Amino acid sequence: MAKTKLRSIVSLTGTVTGWAKRLAAQDAAHRVVGVFDVANDVQVKLPGGSVRTDTEIAQAVRRALEWMRWWRTIASSRRCRMAG
């Protein structure tokens, strides 16, 4: 990761292996005295190369939404039985 300070604005670049590390770098840069803002251009590369296509992501979102709809139906029917 590289850091460049220019007029109290810090630019972070490089690659890390997780979102927590990216945010930790940003938080650390914000704690430096005199830093006004941070431009976080750090890329996250997950171990194992787990890259999904837009189609795979869209399918996962659809499954999650269908599951949520199913769960709300079940929860709603249980509330009706308990109330009645």
C-alpha atoms as a PDB file:
ATOM      1  CA  MET A   1       0.000   0.000   0.000  1.00  0.00           C
ATOM      2  CA  ALA A   2       1.303   3.447  -0.830  1.00  0.00           C
ATOM      3  CA  LYS A   3       0.513   6.725   0.901  1.00  0.00           C
ATOM      4  CA  THR A   4       0.875  10.188  -0.608  1.00  0.00           C
ATOM      5  CA  LYS A   5       0.201  13.357   1.386  1.00  0.00           C
ATOM      6  CA  LEU A   6      -0.786  16.428  -0.589  1.00  0.00           C
ATOM      7  CA  ARG A   7      -2.292  19.448   1.194  1.00  0.00           C
ATOM      8  CA  SER A   8      -3.731  17.342   4.029  1.00  0.00           C
ATOM      9  CA  ILE A   9      -5.458  14.929   1.654  1.00  0.00           C
ATOM     10  CA  VAL A  10      -4.083  11.400   1.797  1.00  0.00           C
ATOM     11  CA  SER A  11      -4.389   9.019  -1.141  1.00  0.00           C
ATOM     12  CA  LEU A  12      -4.267   5.294  -0.370  1.00  0.00           C
ATOM     13  CA  THR A  13      -3.465   2.855  -3.162  1.00  0.00           C
ATOM     14  CA  GLY A  14      -2.525  -0.799  -3.332  1.00  0.00           C
ATOM     15  CA  THR A  15      -4.129  -4.144  -2.673  1.00  0.00           C
ATOM     16  CA  VAL A  16      -5.325  -5.865   0.511  1.00  0.00           C
ATOM     17  CA  THR A  17      -6.953  -9.238   1.176  1.00  0.00           C
ATOM     18  CA  GLY A  18     -10.149  -8.049   2.838  1.00  0.00           C
ATOM     19  CA  TRP A  19     -12.560  -5.183   3.373  1.00  0.00           C
ATOM     20  CA  ALA A  20     -11.642  -4.894   7.056  1.00  0.00           C
ATOM     21  CA  LYS A  21      -8.018  -4.206   6.108  1.00  0.00           C
ATOM     22  CA  ARG A  22      -9.113  -1.577   3.595  1.00  0.00           C
ATOM     23  CA  LEU A  23     -11.216   0.198   6.205  1.00  0.00           C
ATOM     24  CA  ALA A  24      -8.462  -0.141   8.837  1.00  0.00           C
ATOM     25  CA  ALA A  25      -6.000   1.602   6.505  1.00  0.00           C
ATOM     26  CA  GLN A  26      -8.503   4.390   5.889  1.00  0.00           C
ATOM     27  CA  ASP A  27      -9.195   4.813   9.610  1.00  0.00           C
ATOM     28  CA  ALA A  28      -5.457   4.889  10.378  1.00  0.00           C
ATOM     29  CA  ALA A  29      -4.907   7.577   7.742  1.00  0.00           C
ATOM     30  CA  HIS A  30      -7.745   9.674   9.207  1.00  0.00           C
ATOM     31  CA  ARG A  31      -6.053   9.548  12.625  1.00  0.00           C
ATOM     32  CA  VAL A  32      -2.864  11.193  11.329  1.00  0.00           C
ATOM     33  CA  VAL A  33      -2.602  14.755  12.597  1.00  0.00           C
ATOM     34  CA  GLY A  34      -3.218  17.277   9.825  1.00  0.00           C
ATOM     35  CA  VAL A  35      -5.079  14.912   7.494  1.00  0.00           C
ATOM     36  CA  PHE A  36      -8.238  16.562   6.209  1.00  0.00           C
ATOM     37  CA  ASP A  37      -9.577  13.721   4.069  1.00  0.00           C
ATOM     38  CA  VAL A  38      -8.631  10.323   2.667  1.00  0.00           C
ATOM     39  CA  ALA A  39      -9.048   9.110  -0.910  1.00  0.00           C
ATOM     40  CA  ASN A  40      -9.203   5.345  -0.489  1.00  0.00           C
ATOM     41  CA  ASP A  41      -8.302   3.701  -3.806  1.00  0.00           C
ATOM     42  CA  VAL A  42      -7.176   0.447  -2.183  1.00  0.00           C
ATOM     43  CA  GLN A  43      -8.352  -2.623  -4.109  1.00  0.00           C
ATOM     44  CA  VAL A  44      -9.628  -5.706  -2.281  1.00  0.00           C
ATOM     45  CA  LYS A  45      -8.528  -9.048  -3.717  1.00  0.00           C
ATOM     46  CA  LEU A  46     -10.127 -11.879  -1.794  1.00  0.00           C
ATOM     47  CA  PRO A  47      -7.975 -14.970  -1.239  1.00  0.00           C
ATOM     48  CA  GLY A  48      -8.814 -17.877  -3.500  1.00  0.00           C
ATOM     49  CA  GLY A  49      -9.850 -15.662  -6.382  1.00  0.00           C
ATOM     50  CA  SER A  50     -13.549 -15.810  -5.567  1.00  0.00           C
ATOM     51  CA  VAL A  51     -14.803 -13.642  -8.410  1.00  0.00           C
ATOM     52  CA  ARG A  52     -18.453 -13.792  -9.414  1.00  0.00           C
ATOM     53  CA  THR A  53     -19.989 -12.552 -12.629  1.00  0.00           C
ATOM     54  CA  ASP A  54     -22.830 -10.044 -12.687  1.00  0.00           C
ATOM     55  CA  THR A  55     -25.180 -12.891 -13.610  1.00  0.00           C
ATOM     56  CA  GLU A  56     -24.110 -14.947 -10.579  1.00  0.00           C
ATOM     57  CA  ILE A  57     -24.579 -11.941  -8.307  1.00  0.00           C
ATOM     58  CA  ALA A  58     -28.034 -11.240  -9.786  1.00  0.00           C
ATOM     59  CA  GLN A  59     -29.036 -14.885  -9.240  1.00  0.00           C
ATOM     60  CA  ALA A  60     -27.829 -14.764  -5.626  1.00  0.00           C
ATOM     61  CA  VAL A  61     -29.828 -11.570  -5.013  1.00  0.00           C
ATOM     62  CA  ARG A  62     -32.950 -13.135  -6.520  1.00  0.00           C
ATOM     63  CA  ARG A  63     -32.580 -16.244  -4.304  1.00  0.00           C
ATOM     64  CA  ALA A  64     -32.130 -14.062  -1.225  1.00  0.00           C
ATOM     65  CA  LEU A  65     -35.224 -11.996  -2.046  1.00  0.00           C
ATOM     66  CA  GLU A  66     -37.282 -15.130  -2.682  1.00  0.00           C
ATOM     67  CA  TRP A  67     -36.105 -16.591   0.626  1.00  0.00           C
ATOM     68  CA  MET A  68     -37.042 -13.375   2.447  1.00  0.00           C
ATOM     69  CA  ARG A  69     -40.519 -13.402   0.862  1.00  0.00           C
ATOM     70  CA  TRP A  70     -40.983 -17.058   1.857  1.00  0.00           C
ATOM     71  CA  TRP A  71     -39.804 -16.366   5.420  1.00  0.00           C
ATOM     72  CA  ARG A  72     -42.171 -13.395   5.823  1.00  0.00           C
ATOM     73  CA  THR A  73     -45.075 -15.570   4.629  1.00  0.00           C
ATOM     74  CA  ILE A  74     -44.225 -18.243   7.205  1.00  0.00           C
ATOM     75  CA  ALA A  75     -43.754 -15.694  10.000  1.00  0.00           C
ATOM     76  CA  SER A  76     -47.008 -13.949   9.105  1.00  0.00           C
ATOM     77  CA  SER A  77     -48.998 -17.200   9.127  1.00  0.00           C
ATOM     78  CA  ARG A  78     -47.565 -18.117  12.534  1.00  0.00           C
ATOM     79  CA  ARG A  79     -48.583 -14.729  13.972  1.00  0.00           C
ATOM     80  CA  CYS A  80     -52.120 -15.216  12.664  1.00  0.00           C
ATOM     81  CA  ARG A  81     -52.374 -18.650  14.307  1.00  0.00           C
ATOM     82  CA  MET A  82     -51.040 -17.312  17.601  1.00  0.00           C
ATOM     83  CA  ALA A  83     -53.430 -14.365  17.617  1.00  0.00           C
ATOM     84  CA  GLY A  84     -56.496 -16.453  16.763  1.00  0.00           C
END
